[in-house]
């Protein structure tokens, strides 16, 4: 007798399931709210109205984030479209991360979700139908792209403007973070971006920033890296590439007379410094009797100009503190036989 009862119950359940179905209606791709996930179409092929309860649950990346049961709902013969307006009671349990989205009426954050609804007969709890759907919130987002300073650019301004593109498609309440660091010797830009920043700004609502006055001063000749991140609902949703730029400031130049000598005794300057041009020297005479004045910059060197042979001399000269040699020339001889060596120097008032 017990076997017959079990078989009869199973048969009754199977017949009931044939009379019922539920179809979830997909939410919009943007601004999905938890309370909207009740929206479904329930089909009732029985001849009488039936009172049912709904159980719904949602997962994100396989982890359950919400589960709820509804108040009893009457489904007439033929069926009914159920919306959030039909849910006047019931109970929900939320993952702590997602509870504020439900209680504060905020849309779900970006992610890949799965949502299920089960229809149960209210009188005995018998399952009548169930449906599950996968959906994605936000879709694919194009991260910020850096605009200026351009990659490998050499900038002249000590407080440059930084700009980048917004998220595509636009995201409500999106903000941006920018980080600017110095690239130390032997480091890649990607390694440097994780180091202590010269500037780090967050919660930017625009896509531009002028280098702030509080930031460490950019040093001439140094290389710097920068990156922008986009944030939505306290989560980073996109990162730009890491670009680098160098600071090569514009200087004020003025011509200065260094010394003069009576021709043909040409006085030649020797100069040493940690600045780009480090040393001058005069070569041995070539087969034509010419002597060449040469300048050395670290490991490189180049011929600068010819002098008259055979009378050459060395004279040491140093620029005042803060002034740098950027070029020089010989003029003369004048009517008195004087030859002048002129240097073009920077007075250091810029950069």
C-alpha atoms as a PDB file:
ATOM      1  CA  UNK A   1       0.000   0.000   0.000  1.00  0.00           C
ATOM      2  CA  UNK A   2       2.835   2.417   0.852  1.00  0.00           C
ATOM      3  CA  UNK A   3       4.415   1.910  -2.575  1.00  0.00           C
ATOM      4  CA  UNK A   4       1.105   2.663  -4.266  1.00  0.00           C
ATOM      5  CA  UNK A   5       0.688   5.900  -2.276  1.00  0.00           C
ATOM      6  CA  UNK A   6       4.186   7.070  -3.229  1.00  0.00           C
ATOM      7  CA  UNK A   7       3.559   6.282  -6.887  1.00  0.00           C
ATOM      8  CA  UNK A   8       0.239   8.136  -6.815  1.00  0.00           C
ATOM      9  CA  UNK A   9       1.846  11.198  -5.241  1.00  0.00           C
ATOM     10  CA  UNK A  10       4.648  11.191  -7.802  1.00  0.00           C
ATOM     11  CA  UNK A  11       2.111  10.868 -10.618  1.00  0.00           C
ATOM     12  CA  UNK A  12       0.045  13.720  -9.208  1.00  0.00           C
ATOM     13  CA  UNK A  13       3.152  15.895  -8.962  1.00  0.00           C
ATOM     14  CA  UNK A  14       4.130  15.125 -12.552  1.00  0.00           C
ATOM     15  CA  UNK A  15       0.638  15.963 -13.790  1.00  0.00           C
ATOM     16  CA  UNK A  16       0.659  19.225 -11.837  1.00  0.00           C
ATOM     17  CA  UNK A  17       4.020  20.169 -13.311  1.00  0.00           C
ATOM     18  CA  UNK A  18       2.600  19.642 -16.798  1.00  0.00           C
ATOM     19  CA  UNK A  19      -0.077  22.212 -16.011  1.00  0.00           C
ATOM     20  CA  UNK A  20       2.337  24.876 -14.867  1.00  0.00           C
ATOM     21  CA  UNK A  21       5.269  26.853 -16.216  1.00  0.00           C
ATOM     22  CA  UNK A  22       7.142  30.004 -15.287  1.00  0.00           C
ATOM     23  CA  UNK A  23       9.208  32.213 -17.560  1.00  0.00           C
ATOM     24  CA  UNK A  24      11.544  34.868 -16.200  1.00  0.00           C
ATOM     25  CA  UNK A  25      11.550  38.145 -18.101  1.00  0.00           C
ATOM     26  CA  UNK A  26      15.114  39.443 -18.637  1.00  0.00           C
ATOM     27  CA  UNK A  27      16.016  42.695 -16.871  1.00  0.00           C
ATOM     28  CA  UNK A  28      17.465  45.670 -18.767  1.00  0.00           C
ATOM     29  CA  UNK A  29      21.269  45.611 -19.201  1.00  0.00           C
ATOM     30  CA  UNK A  30      21.693  48.772 -17.126  1.00  0.00           C
ATOM     31  CA  UNK A  31      20.319  49.785 -13.719  1.00  0.00           C
ATOM     32  CA  UNK A  32      19.056  46.392 -12.546  1.00  0.00           C
ATOM     33  CA  UNK A  33      17.309  46.460  -9.157  1.00  0.00           C
ATOM     34  CA  UNK A  34      16.835  43.393  -6.959  1.00  0.00           C
ATOM     35  CA  UNK A  35      13.118  44.023  -6.504  1.00  0.00           C
ATOM     36  CA  UNK A  36      12.639  43.917 -10.297  1.00  0.00           C
ATOM     37  CA  UNK A  37      13.849  40.315 -10.485  1.00  0.00           C
ATOM     38  CA  UNK A  38      10.403  39.020  -9.445  1.00  0.00           C
ATOM     39  CA  UNK A  39       9.120  39.876 -12.908  1.00  0.00           C
ATOM     40  CA  UNK A  40       7.922  36.671 -14.576  1.00  0.00           C
ATOM     41  CA  UNK A  41       5.057  35.079 -16.527  1.00  0.00           C
ATOM     42  CA  UNK A  42       3.324  32.159 -14.757  1.00  0.00           C
ATOM     43  CA  UNK A  43       1.093  29.818 -16.771  1.00  0.00           C
ATOM     44  CA  UNK A  44      -1.720  27.945 -14.978  1.00  0.00           C
ATOM     45  CA  UNK A  45      -3.444  25.291 -17.122  1.00  0.00           C
ATOM     46  CA  UNK A  46      -5.660  24.097 -14.285  1.00  0.00           C
ATOM     47  CA  UNK A  47      -9.355  24.969 -14.299  1.00  0.00           C
ATOM     48  CA  UNK A  48      -9.361  26.787 -10.968  1.00  0.00           C
ATOM     49  CA  UNK A  49      -7.399  29.709  -9.500  1.00  0.00           C
ATOM     50  CA  UNK A  50      -4.476  28.523  -7.400  1.00  0.00           C
ATOM     51  CA  UNK A  51      -2.694  30.339  -4.609  1.00  0.00           C
ATOM     52  CA  UNK A  52       1.090  30.049  -4.929  1.00  0.00           C
ATOM     53  CA  UNK A  53       4.237  31.397  -3.303  1.00  0.00           C
ATOM     54  CA  UNK A  54       7.419  32.332  -5.131  1.00  0.00           C
ATOM     55  CA  UNK A  55      10.953  31.638  -4.013  1.00  0.00           C
ATOM     56  CA  UNK A  56      13.676  33.595  -5.762  1.00  0.00           C
ATOM     57  CA  UNK A  57      17.446  33.540  -5.438  1.00  0.00           C
ATOM     58  CA  UNK A  58      20.339  35.221  -7.223  1.00  0.00           C
ATOM     59  CA  UNK A  59      24.009  34.317  -7.579  1.00  0.00           C
ATOM     60  CA  UNK A  60      26.996  36.315  -8.782  1.00  0.00           C
ATOM     61  CA  UNK A  61      29.962  34.329 -10.117  1.00  0.00           C
ATOM     62  CA  UNK A  62      28.470  31.208  -8.504  1.00  0.00           C
ATOM     63  CA  UNK A  63      27.996  32.739  -5.040  1.00  0.00           C
ATOM     64  CA  UNK A  64      24.477  33.244  -3.690  1.00  0.00           C
ATOM     65  CA  UNK A  65      23.893  36.912  -2.937  1.00  0.00           C
ATOM     66  CA  UNK A  66      20.141  37.041  -2.212  1.00  0.00           C
ATOM     67  CA  UNK A  67      17.225  34.703  -1.461  1.00  0.00           C
ATOM     68  CA  UNK A  68      13.611  35.583  -0.794  1.00  0.00           C
ATOM     69  CA  UNK A  69      10.079  34.221  -0.523  1.00  0.00           C
ATOM     70  CA  UNK A  70       6.928  36.071  -1.525  1.00  0.00           C
ATOM     71  CA  UNK A  71       3.530  36.486   0.020  1.00  0.00           C
ATOM     72  CA  UNK A  72       0.794  34.160  -1.387  1.00  0.00           C
ATOM     73  CA  UNK A  73      -0.284  35.196  -4.907  1.00  0.00           C
ATOM     74  CA  UNK A  74      -3.393  33.961  -6.691  1.00  0.00           C
ATOM     75  CA  UNK A  75      -2.794  32.726 -10.238  1.00  0.00           C
ATOM     76  CA  UNK A  76      -6.011  32.515 -12.276  1.00  0.00           C
ATOM     77  CA  UNK A  77      -6.617  29.899 -14.989  1.00  0.00           C
ATOM     78  CA  UNK A  78      -4.483  30.747 -17.989  1.00  0.00           C
ATOM     79  CA  UNK A  79      -1.829  32.487 -15.935  1.00  0.00           C
ATOM     80  CA  UNK A  80      -0.629  35.851 -14.733  1.00  0.00           C
ATOM     81  CA  UNK A  81       2.193  38.341 -15.284  1.00  0.00           C
ATOM     82  CA  UNK A  82       3.864  38.885 -11.904  1.00  0.00           C
ATOM     83  CA  UNK A  83       5.713  42.128 -11.162  1.00  0.00           C
ATOM     84  CA  UNK A  84       7.229  43.678  -8.059  1.00  0.00           C
ATOM     85  CA  UNK A  85       3.854  45.305  -7.379  1.00  0.00           C
ATOM     86  CA  UNK A  86       2.429  41.848  -6.570  1.00  0.00           C
ATOM     87  CA  UNK A  87       5.072  41.276  -3.895  1.00  0.00           C
ATOM     88  CA  UNK A  88       3.549  42.928  -0.841  1.00  0.00           C
ATOM     89  CA  UNK A  89       5.229  40.792   1.808  1.00  0.00           C
ATOM     90  CA  UNK A  90       7.626  37.938   2.278  1.00  0.00           C
ATOM     91  CA  UNK A  91      11.194  37.709   3.461  1.00  0.00           C
ATOM     92  CA  UNK A  92      14.629  38.371   1.953  1.00  0.00           C
ATOM     93  CA  UNK A  93      18.110  37.401   3.073  1.00  0.00           C
ATOM     94  CA  UNK A  94      21.106  39.151   1.505  1.00  0.00           C
ATOM     95  CA  UNK A  95      24.842  38.789   1.332  1.00  0.00           C
ATOM     96  CA  UNK A  96      26.303  41.671   3.362  1.00  0.00           C
ATOM     97  CA  UNK A  97      27.892  43.215   0.267  1.00  0.00           C
ATOM     98  CA  UNK A  98      24.584  43.363  -1.607  1.00  0.00           C
ATOM     99  CA  UNK A  99      22.211  44.262   1.224  1.00  0.00           C
ATOM    100  CA  UNK A 100      22.693  48.040   0.741  1.00  0.00           C
ATOM    101  CA  UNK A 101      21.713  47.721  -2.924  1.00  0.00           C
ATOM    102  CA  UNK A 102      18.348  46.274  -1.913  1.00  0.00           C
ATOM    103  CA  UNK A 103      17.620  48.370   1.177  1.00  0.00           C
ATOM    104  CA  UNK A 104      18.697  51.656  -0.425  1.00  0.00           C
ATOM    105  CA  UNK A 105      17.105  50.934  -3.791  1.00  0.00           C
ATOM    106  CA  UNK A 106      20.427  51.061  -5.643  1.00  0.00           C
ATOM    107  CA  UNK A 107      21.034  49.212  -8.931  1.00  0.00           C
ATOM    108  CA  UNK A 108      23.195  46.116  -8.818  1.00  0.00           C
ATOM    109  CA  UNK A 109      26.896  46.634  -9.531  1.00  0.00           C
ATOM    110  CA  UNK A 110      28.507  45.383 -12.694  1.00  0.00           C
ATOM    111  CA  UNK A 111      28.816  41.633 -12.901  1.00  0.00           C
ATOM    112  CA  UNK A 112      27.535  38.340 -14.293  1.00  0.00           C
ATOM    113  CA  UNK A 113      24.470  37.039 -12.451  1.00  0.00           C
ATOM    114  CA  UNK A 114      22.080  34.110 -12.405  1.00  0.00           C
ATOM    115  CA  UNK A 115      18.530  34.426 -11.098  1.00  0.00           C
ATOM    116  CA  UNK A 116      15.968  31.674 -10.410  1.00  0.00           C
ATOM    117  CA  UNK A 117      12.287  31.591  -9.441  1.00  0.00           C
ATOM    118  CA  UNK A 118      10.429  28.562  -8.128  1.00  0.00           C
ATOM    119  CA  UNK A 119       6.617  28.438  -7.992  1.00  0.00           C
ATOM    120  CA  UNK A 120       5.145  26.415  -5.081  1.00  0.00           C
ATOM    121  CA  UNK A 121       1.526  25.637  -4.255  1.00  0.00           C
ATOM    122  CA  UNK A 122       0.801  27.641  -1.128  1.00  0.00           C
ATOM    123  CA  UNK A 123      -1.420  24.973   0.465  1.00  0.00           C
ATOM    124  CA  UNK A 124       1.100  22.120   0.534  1.00  0.00           C
ATOM    125  CA  UNK A 125       4.438  23.547  -0.715  1.00  0.00           C
ATOM    126  CA  UNK A 126       4.414  21.368  -3.842  1.00  0.00           C
ATOM    127  CA  UNK A 127       6.767  22.734  -6.527  1.00  0.00           C
ATOM    128  CA  UNK A 128       4.812  23.567  -9.674  1.00  0.00           C
ATOM    129  CA  UNK A 129       7.456  25.199 -11.902  1.00  0.00           C
ATOM    130  CA  UNK A 130      10.932  26.690 -11.916  1.00  0.00           C
ATOM    131  CA  UNK A 131      13.040  28.805 -14.281  1.00  0.00           C
ATOM    132  CA  UNK A 132      16.574  30.251 -14.199  1.00  0.00           C
ATOM    133  CA  UNK A 133      18.213  32.899 -16.361  1.00  0.00           C
ATOM    134  CA  UNK A 134      21.721  34.313 -16.697  1.00  0.00           C
ATOM    135  CA  UNK A 135      22.119  38.045 -17.131  1.00  0.00           C
ATOM    136  CA  UNK A 136      24.912  40.600 -17.158  1.00  0.00           C
ATOM    137  CA  UNK A 137      24.834  44.057 -15.627  1.00  0.00           C
ATOM    138  CA  UNK A 138      26.736  46.832 -17.331  1.00  0.00           C
ATOM    139  CA  UNK A 139      28.034  44.871 -20.305  1.00  0.00           C
ATOM    140  CA  UNK A 140      31.528  45.434 -21.613  1.00  0.00           C
ATOM    141  CA  UNK A 141      33.116  48.744 -20.647  1.00  0.00           C
ATOM    142  CA  UNK A 142      35.935  50.412 -22.536  1.00  0.00           C
ATOM    143  CA  UNK A 143      38.431  51.656 -19.903  1.00  0.00           C
ATOM    144  CA  UNK A 144      39.922  55.163 -19.900  1.00  0.00           C
ATOM    145  CA  UNK A 145      42.491  55.930 -22.596  1.00  0.00           C
ATOM    146  CA  UNK A 146      45.269  58.420 -21.887  1.00  0.00           C
ATOM    147  CA  UNK A 147      45.420  61.502 -24.121  1.00  0.00           C
ATOM    148  CA  UNK A 148      47.981  63.974 -22.792  1.00  0.00           C
ATOM    149  CA  UNK A 149      50.890  64.033 -22.070  1.00  0.00           C
ATOM    150  CA  UNK A 150      51.407  61.660 -24.967  1.00  0.00           C
ATOM    151  CA  UNK A 151      53.390  58.456 -24.578  1.00  0.00           C
ATOM    152  CA  UNK A 152      57.148  59.187 -24.395  1.00  0.00           C
ATOM    153  CA  UNK A 153      56.412  62.929 -24.652  1.00  0.00           C
ATOM    154  CA  UNK A 154      58.937  65.562 -23.534  1.00  0.00           C
ATOM    155  CA  UNK A 155      57.054  68.298 -21.728  1.00  0.00           C
ATOM    156  CA  UNK A 156      58.241  71.845 -21.084  1.00  0.00           C
ATOM    157  CA  UNK A 157      55.785  72.913 -18.360  1.00  0.00           C
ATOM    158  CA  UNK A 158      56.462  72.255 -14.706  1.00  0.00           C
ATOM    159  CA  UNK A 159      52.726  71.818 -14.034  1.00  0.00           C
ATOM    160  CA  UNK A 160      51.368  69.999 -17.093  1.00  0.00           C
ATOM    161  CA  UNK A 161      47.732  69.214 -17.839  1.00  0.00           C
ATOM    162  CA  UNK A 162      46.696  65.551 -17.836  1.00  0.00           C
ATOM    163  CA  UNK A 163      43.673  64.358 -19.826  1.00  0.00           C
ATOM    164  CA  UNK A 164      42.023  61.026 -20.666  1.00  0.00           C
ATOM    165  CA  UNK A 165      38.833  59.632 -22.201  1.00  0.00           C
ATOM    166  CA  UNK A 166      35.754  58.766 -20.101  1.00  0.00           C
ATOM    167  CA  UNK A 167      34.325  55.278 -19.735  1.00  0.00           C
ATOM    168  CA  UNK A 168      32.401  53.990 -22.747  1.00  0.00           C
ATOM    169  CA  UNK A 169      29.473  53.612 -22.395  1.00  0.00           C
ATOM    170  CA  UNK A 170      29.128  56.350 -19.763  1.00  0.00           C
ATOM    171  CA  UNK A 171      28.487  55.049 -16.258  1.00  0.00           C
ATOM    172  CA  UNK A 172      26.377  56.897 -13.729  1.00  0.00           C
ATOM    173  CA  UNK A 173      28.416  58.314 -10.823  1.00  0.00           C
ATOM    174  CA  UNK A 174      31.711  57.126 -12.337  1.00  0.00           C
ATOM    175  CA  UNK A 175      34.825  58.726 -10.822  1.00  0.00           C
ATOM    176  CA  UNK A 176      38.501  58.572 -11.732  1.00  0.00           C
ATOM    177  CA  UNK A 177      41.802  58.082  -9.930  1.00  0.00           C
ATOM    178  CA  UNK A 178      45.129  59.319 -11.305  1.00  0.00           C
ATOM    179  CA  UNK A 179      48.590  58.397 -10.105  1.00  0.00           C
ATOM    180  CA  UNK A 180      51.861  60.055 -11.155  1.00  0.00           C
ATOM    181  CA  UNK A 181      55.230  58.596 -10.130  1.00  0.00           C
ATOM    182  CA  UNK A 182      58.906  59.037 -10.907  1.00  0.00           C
ATOM    183  CA  UNK A 183      60.512  56.201 -12.881  1.00  0.00           C
ATOM    184  CA  UNK A 184      63.748  55.383 -11.093  1.00  0.00           C
ATOM    185  CA  UNK A 185      66.781  54.041 -12.941  1.00  0.00           C
ATOM    186  CA  UNK A 186      66.452  50.347 -13.763  1.00  0.00           C
ATOM    187  CA  UNK A 187      62.660  50.276 -13.311  1.00  0.00           C
ATOM    188  CA  UNK A 188      59.960  49.767 -15.923  1.00  0.00           C
ATOM    189  CA  UNK A 189      56.958  52.084 -16.018  1.00  0.00           C
ATOM    190  CA  UNK A 190      54.708  49.247 -14.813  1.00  0.00           C
ATOM    191  CA  UNK A 191      56.980  48.617 -11.828  1.00  0.00           C
ATOM    192  CA  UNK A 192      57.255  52.310 -11.013  1.00  0.00           C
ATOM    193  CA  UNK A 193      53.498  52.899 -10.956  1.00  0.00           C
ATOM    194  CA  UNK A 194      53.256  50.831  -7.753  1.00  0.00           C
ATOM    195  CA  UNK A 195      55.842  52.995  -5.977  1.00  0.00           C
ATOM    196  CA  UNK A 196      55.222  56.046  -3.782  1.00  0.00           C
ATOM    197  CA  UNK A 197      53.340  58.592  -5.901  1.00  0.00           C
ATOM    198  CA  UNK A 198      54.320  62.195  -6.493  1.00  0.00           C
ATOM    199  CA  UNK A 199      50.612  62.848  -7.019  1.00  0.00           C
ATOM    200  CA  UNK A 200      47.574  60.659  -6.323  1.00  0.00           C
ATOM    201  CA  UNK A 201      44.097  62.110  -6.820  1.00  0.00           C
ATOM    202  CA  UNK A 202      40.828  60.222  -6.284  1.00  0.00           C
ATOM    203  CA  UNK A 203      37.092  60.886  -6.732  1.00  0.00           C
ATOM    204  CA  UNK A 204      37.653  63.011  -9.844  1.00  0.00           C
ATOM    205  CA  UNK A 205      34.389  63.625 -11.699  1.00  0.00           C
ATOM    206  CA  UNK A 206      36.126  65.128 -14.743  1.00  0.00           C
ATOM    207  CA  UNK A 207      38.660  63.692 -17.186  1.00  0.00           C
ATOM    208  CA  UNK A 208      41.318  66.385 -16.781  1.00  0.00           C
ATOM    209  CA  UNK A 209      43.757  67.415 -14.061  1.00  0.00           C
ATOM    210  CA  UNK A 210      46.451  70.079 -13.842  1.00  0.00           C
ATOM    211  CA  UNK A 211      49.528  68.905 -11.952  1.00  0.00           C
ATOM    212  CA  UNK A 212      48.671  70.114  -8.430  1.00  0.00           C
ATOM    213  CA  UNK A 213      50.786  72.622  -6.552  1.00  0.00           C
ATOM    214  CA  UNK A 214      51.197  70.205  -3.621  1.00  0.00           C
ATOM    215  CA  UNK A 215      52.901  67.594  -5.840  1.00  0.00           C
ATOM    216  CA  UNK A 216      56.654  67.072  -5.730  1.00  0.00           C
ATOM    217  CA  UNK A 217      58.467  69.357  -8.163  1.00  0.00           C
ATOM    218  CA  UNK A 218      59.265  67.753 -11.503  1.00  0.00           C
ATOM    219  CA  UNK A 219      63.019  67.541 -12.020  1.00  0.00           C
ATOM    220  CA  UNK A 220      64.608  68.352 -15.410  1.00  0.00           C
ATOM    221  CA  UNK A 221      65.732  65.245 -17.265  1.00  0.00           C
ATOM    222  CA  UNK A 222      63.735  62.836 -15.107  1.00  0.00           C
ATOM    223  CA  UNK A 223      61.219  60.322 -16.452  1.00  0.00           C
ATOM    224  CA  UNK A 224      57.709  59.998 -15.020  1.00  0.00           C
ATOM    225  CA  UNK A 225      54.847  57.507 -15.386  1.00  0.00           C
ATOM    226  CA  UNK A 226      51.086  57.994 -14.986  1.00  0.00           C
ATOM    227  CA  UNK A 227      47.922  55.904 -15.026  1.00  0.00           C
ATOM    228  CA  UNK A 228      44.168  56.488 -14.636  1.00  0.00           C
ATOM    229  CA  UNK A 229      41.613  54.115 -13.084  1.00  0.00           C
ATOM    230  CA  UNK A 230      37.810  54.346 -13.307  1.00  0.00           C
ATOM    231  CA  UNK A 231      35.644  53.592 -10.269  1.00  0.00           C
ATOM    232  CA  UNK A 232      31.911  52.792 -10.098  1.00  0.00           C
ATOM    233  CA  UNK A 233      30.189  51.896  -6.825  1.00  0.00           C
ATOM    234  CA  UNK A 234      33.545  51.763  -5.023  1.00  0.00           C
ATOM    235  CA  UNK A 235      34.891  49.167  -7.471  1.00  0.00           C
ATOM    236  CA  UNK A 236      37.590  49.672 -10.119  1.00  0.00           C
ATOM    237  CA  UNK A 237      35.922  48.910 -13.462  1.00  0.00           C
ATOM    238  CA  UNK A 238      38.712  49.941 -15.831  1.00  0.00           C
ATOM    239  CA  UNK A 239      42.404  50.852 -15.917  1.00  0.00           C
ATOM    240  CA  UNK A 240      44.341  52.753 -18.551  1.00  0.00           C
ATOM    241  CA  UNK A 241      47.757  51.805 -19.858  1.00  0.00           C
ATOM    242  CA  UNK A 242      50.799  53.189 -18.050  1.00  0.00           C
ATOM    243  CA  UNK A 243      52.423  55.976 -20.085  1.00  0.00           C
ATOM    244  CA  UNK A 244      55.695  57.801 -19.489  1.00  0.00           C
ATOM    245  CA  UNK A 245      56.899  61.321 -20.183  1.00  0.00           C
ATOM    246  CA  UNK A 246      60.105  63.252 -19.555  1.00  0.00           C
ATOM    247  CA  UNK A 247      60.453  66.748 -18.141  1.00  0.00           C
ATOM    248  CA  UNK A 248      62.634  68.921 -20.410  1.00  0.00           C
ATOM    249  CA  UNK A 249      61.951  72.526 -19.390  1.00  0.00           C
ATOM    250  CA  UNK A 250      62.545  75.582 -21.538  1.00  0.00           C
ATOM    251  CA  UNK A 251      65.363  77.805 -20.235  1.00  0.00           C
ATOM    252  CA  UNK A 252      66.195  81.463 -20.694  1.00  0.00           C
ATOM    253  CA  UNK A 253      69.444  81.893 -22.618  1.00  0.00           C
ATOM    254  CA  UNK A 254      71.812  84.828 -22.746  1.00  0.00           C
ATOM    255  CA  UNK A 255      75.132  85.312 -24.492  1.00  0.00           C
ATOM    256  CA  UNK A 256      78.130  85.896 -22.228  1.00  0.00           C
ATOM    257  CA  UNK A 257      81.714  86.832 -23.126  1.00  0.00           C
ATOM    258  CA  UNK A 258      84.022  84.478 -21.262  1.00  0.00           C
ATOM    259  CA  UNK A 259      87.499  85.752 -22.185  1.00  0.00           C
ATOM    260  CA  UNK A 260      89.565  87.102 -25.058  1.00  0.00           C
ATOM    261  CA  UNK A 261      93.151  86.581 -26.236  1.00  0.00           C
ATOM    262  CA  UNK A 262      95.450  88.272 -28.719  1.00  0.00           C
ATOM    263  CA  UNK A 263      95.507  86.454 -32.025  1.00  0.00           C
ATOM    264  CA  UNK A 264      97.088  84.154 -33.042  1.00  0.00           C
ATOM    265  CA  UNK A 265      97.403  83.026 -29.424  1.00  0.00           C
ATOM    266  CA  UNK A 266      93.911  81.509 -29.109  1.00  0.00           C
ATOM    267  CA  UNK A 267      92.816  80.827 -25.564  1.00  0.00           C
ATOM    268  CA  UNK A 268      90.760  77.677 -25.252  1.00  0.00           C
ATOM    269  CA  UNK A 269      88.355  76.857 -22.456  1.00  0.00           C
ATOM    270  CA  UNK A 270      88.387  73.686 -20.395  1.00  0.00           C
ATOM    271  CA  UNK A 271      85.130  73.052 -18.516  1.00  0.00           C
ATOM    272  CA  UNK A 272      83.977  70.273 -16.232  1.00  0.00           C
ATOM    273  CA  UNK A 273      80.563  69.813 -14.676  1.00  0.00           C
ATOM    274  CA  UNK A 274      77.872  67.242 -13.970  1.00  0.00           C
ATOM    275  CA  UNK A 275      75.733  69.069 -16.507  1.00  0.00           C
ATOM    276  CA  UNK A 276      75.316  67.752 -20.084  1.00  0.00           C
ATOM    277  CA  UNK A 277      78.566  69.294 -21.479  1.00  0.00           C
ATOM    278  CA  UNK A 278      81.330  68.089 -19.195  1.00  0.00           C
ATOM    279  CA  UNK A 279      84.682  68.959 -20.792  1.00  0.00           C
ATOM    280  CA  UNK A 280      86.394  70.771 -23.685  1.00  0.00           C
ATOM    281  CA  UNK A 281      89.815  70.024 -25.102  1.00  0.00           C
ATOM    282  CA  UNK A 282      92.007  70.921 -28.076  1.00  0.00           C
ATOM    283  CA  UNK A 283      93.150  68.192 -30.441  1.00  0.00           C
ATOM    284  CA  UNK A 284      96.609  67.622 -31.864  1.00  0.00           C
ATOM    285  CA  UNK A 285      97.147  69.397 -35.213  1.00  0.00           C
ATOM    286  CA  UNK A 286      96.091  67.424 -38.258  1.00  0.00           C
ATOM    287  CA  UNK A 287      98.033  67.135 -41.541  1.00  0.00           C
ATOM    288  CA  UNK A 288      96.740  70.522 -42.648  1.00  0.00           C
ATOM    289  CA  UNK A 289      97.837  72.206 -39.439  1.00  0.00           C
ATOM    290  CA  UNK A 290      94.340  72.621 -38.015  1.00  0.00           C
ATOM    291  CA  UNK A 291      93.600  72.235 -34.324  1.00  0.00           C
ATOM    292  CA  UNK A 292      90.071  71.214 -33.308  1.00  0.00           C
ATOM    293  CA  UNK A 293      88.222  72.289 -30.207  1.00  0.00           C
ATOM    294  CA  UNK A 294      86.116  69.360 -28.964  1.00  0.00           C
ATOM    295  CA  UNK A 295      83.362  69.142 -26.367  1.00  0.00           C
ATOM    296  CA  UNK A 296      82.627  66.041 -24.290  1.00  0.00           C
ATOM    297  CA  UNK A 297      79.224  65.135 -22.882  1.00  0.00           C
ATOM    298  CA  UNK A 298      79.434  62.012 -20.747  1.00  0.00           C
ATOM    299  CA  UNK A 299      80.628  59.281 -23.143  1.00  0.00           C
ATOM    300  CA  UNK A 300      79.894  61.159 -26.365  1.00  0.00           C
ATOM    301  CA  UNK A 301      81.995  63.796 -28.074  1.00  0.00           C
ATOM    302  CA  UNK A 302      81.891  65.967 -31.144  1.00  0.00           C
ATOM    303  CA  UNK A 303      84.004  68.404 -33.111  1.00  0.00           C
ATOM    304  CA  UNK A 304      82.876  71.977 -32.497  1.00  0.00           C
ATOM    305  CA  UNK A 305      85.084  74.351 -34.528  1.00  0.00           C
ATOM    306  CA  UNK A 306      88.531  74.926 -36.028  1.00  0.00           C
ATOM    307  CA  UNK A 307      91.214  77.124 -34.531  1.00  0.00           C
ATOM    308  CA  UNK A 308      94.464  78.448 -35.971  1.00  0.00           C
ATOM    309  CA  UNK A 309      97.597  76.372 -35.483  1.00  0.00           C
ATOM    310  CA  UNK A 310     100.119  76.244 -33.896  1.00  0.00           C
ATOM    311  CA  UNK A 311      99.437  78.550 -30.933  1.00  0.00           C
ATOM    312  CA  UNK A 312      96.869  77.036 -28.547  1.00  0.00           C
ATOM    313  CA  UNK A 313      96.442  77.431 -24.842  1.00  0.00           C
ATOM    314  CA  UNK A 314      94.164  76.171 -22.069  1.00  0.00           C
ATOM    315  CA  UNK A 315      92.307  78.330 -19.634  1.00  0.00           C
ATOM    316  CA  UNK A 316      90.003  76.993 -16.941  1.00  0.00           C
ATOM    317  CA  UNK A 317      86.661  78.682 -16.404  1.00  0.00           C
ATOM    318  CA  UNK A 318      83.576  77.814 -14.384  1.00  0.00           C
ATOM    319  CA  UNK A 319      80.109  79.275 -14.639  1.00  0.00           C
ATOM    320  CA  UNK A 320      78.505  80.756 -11.533  1.00  0.00           C
ATOM    321  CA  UNK A 321      76.198  78.479  -9.557  1.00  0.00           C
ATOM    322  CA  UNK A 322      72.917  77.853 -11.341  1.00  0.00           C
ATOM    323  CA  UNK A 323      74.185  78.703 -14.837  1.00  0.00           C
ATOM    324  CA  UNK A 324      74.781  76.103 -17.521  1.00  0.00           C
ATOM    325  CA  UNK A 325      76.681  76.112 -20.797  1.00  0.00           C
ATOM    326  CA  UNK A 326      74.573  75.273 -23.840  1.00  0.00           C
ATOM    327  CA  UNK A 327      76.831  76.398 -26.729  1.00  0.00           C
ATOM    328  CA  UNK A 328      79.699  78.653 -27.762  1.00  0.00           C
ATOM    329  CA  UNK A 329      81.400  80.218 -30.777  1.00  0.00           C
ATOM    330  CA  UNK A 330      84.598  82.007 -31.805  1.00  0.00           C
ATOM    331  CA  UNK A 331      84.511  85.524 -33.264  1.00  0.00           C
ATOM    332  CA  UNK A 332      87.367  87.496 -34.760  1.00  0.00           C
ATOM    333  CA  UNK A 333      90.083  88.451 -35.173  1.00  0.00           C
ATOM    334  CA  UNK A 334      89.026  92.079 -34.862  1.00  0.00           C
ATOM    335  CA  UNK A 335      91.048  95.109 -36.029  1.00  0.00           C
ATOM    336  CA  UNK A 336      93.347  94.739 -33.034  1.00  0.00           C
ATOM    337  CA  UNK A 337      93.940  91.047 -33.642  1.00  0.00           C
ATOM    338  CA  UNK A 338      91.779  89.885 -30.760  1.00  0.00           C
ATOM    339  CA  UNK A 339      89.794  86.654 -31.025  1.00  0.00           C
ATOM    340  CA  UNK A 340      86.768  86.164 -28.777  1.00  0.00           C
ATOM    341  CA  UNK A 341      85.349  82.907 -27.491  1.00  0.00           C
ATOM    342  CA  UNK A 342      81.696  83.506 -26.634  1.00  0.00           C
ATOM    343  CA  UNK A 343      79.518  81.103 -24.661  1.00  0.00           C
ATOM    344  CA  UNK A 344      75.751  80.846 -24.786  1.00  0.00           C
ATOM    345  CA  UNK A 345      74.646  80.041 -21.261  1.00  0.00           C
ATOM    346  CA  UNK A 346      71.474  79.609 -19.280  1.00  0.00           C
ATOM    347  CA  UNK A 347      70.891  81.885 -16.328  1.00  0.00           C
ATOM    348  CA  UNK A 348      68.707  79.187 -14.779  1.00  0.00           C
ATOM    349  CA  UNK A 349      65.670  81.392 -14.296  1.00  0.00           C
ATOM    350  CA  UNK A 350      63.373  78.804 -15.866  1.00  0.00           C
ATOM    351  CA  UNK A 351      62.831  75.143 -15.263  1.00  0.00           C
END
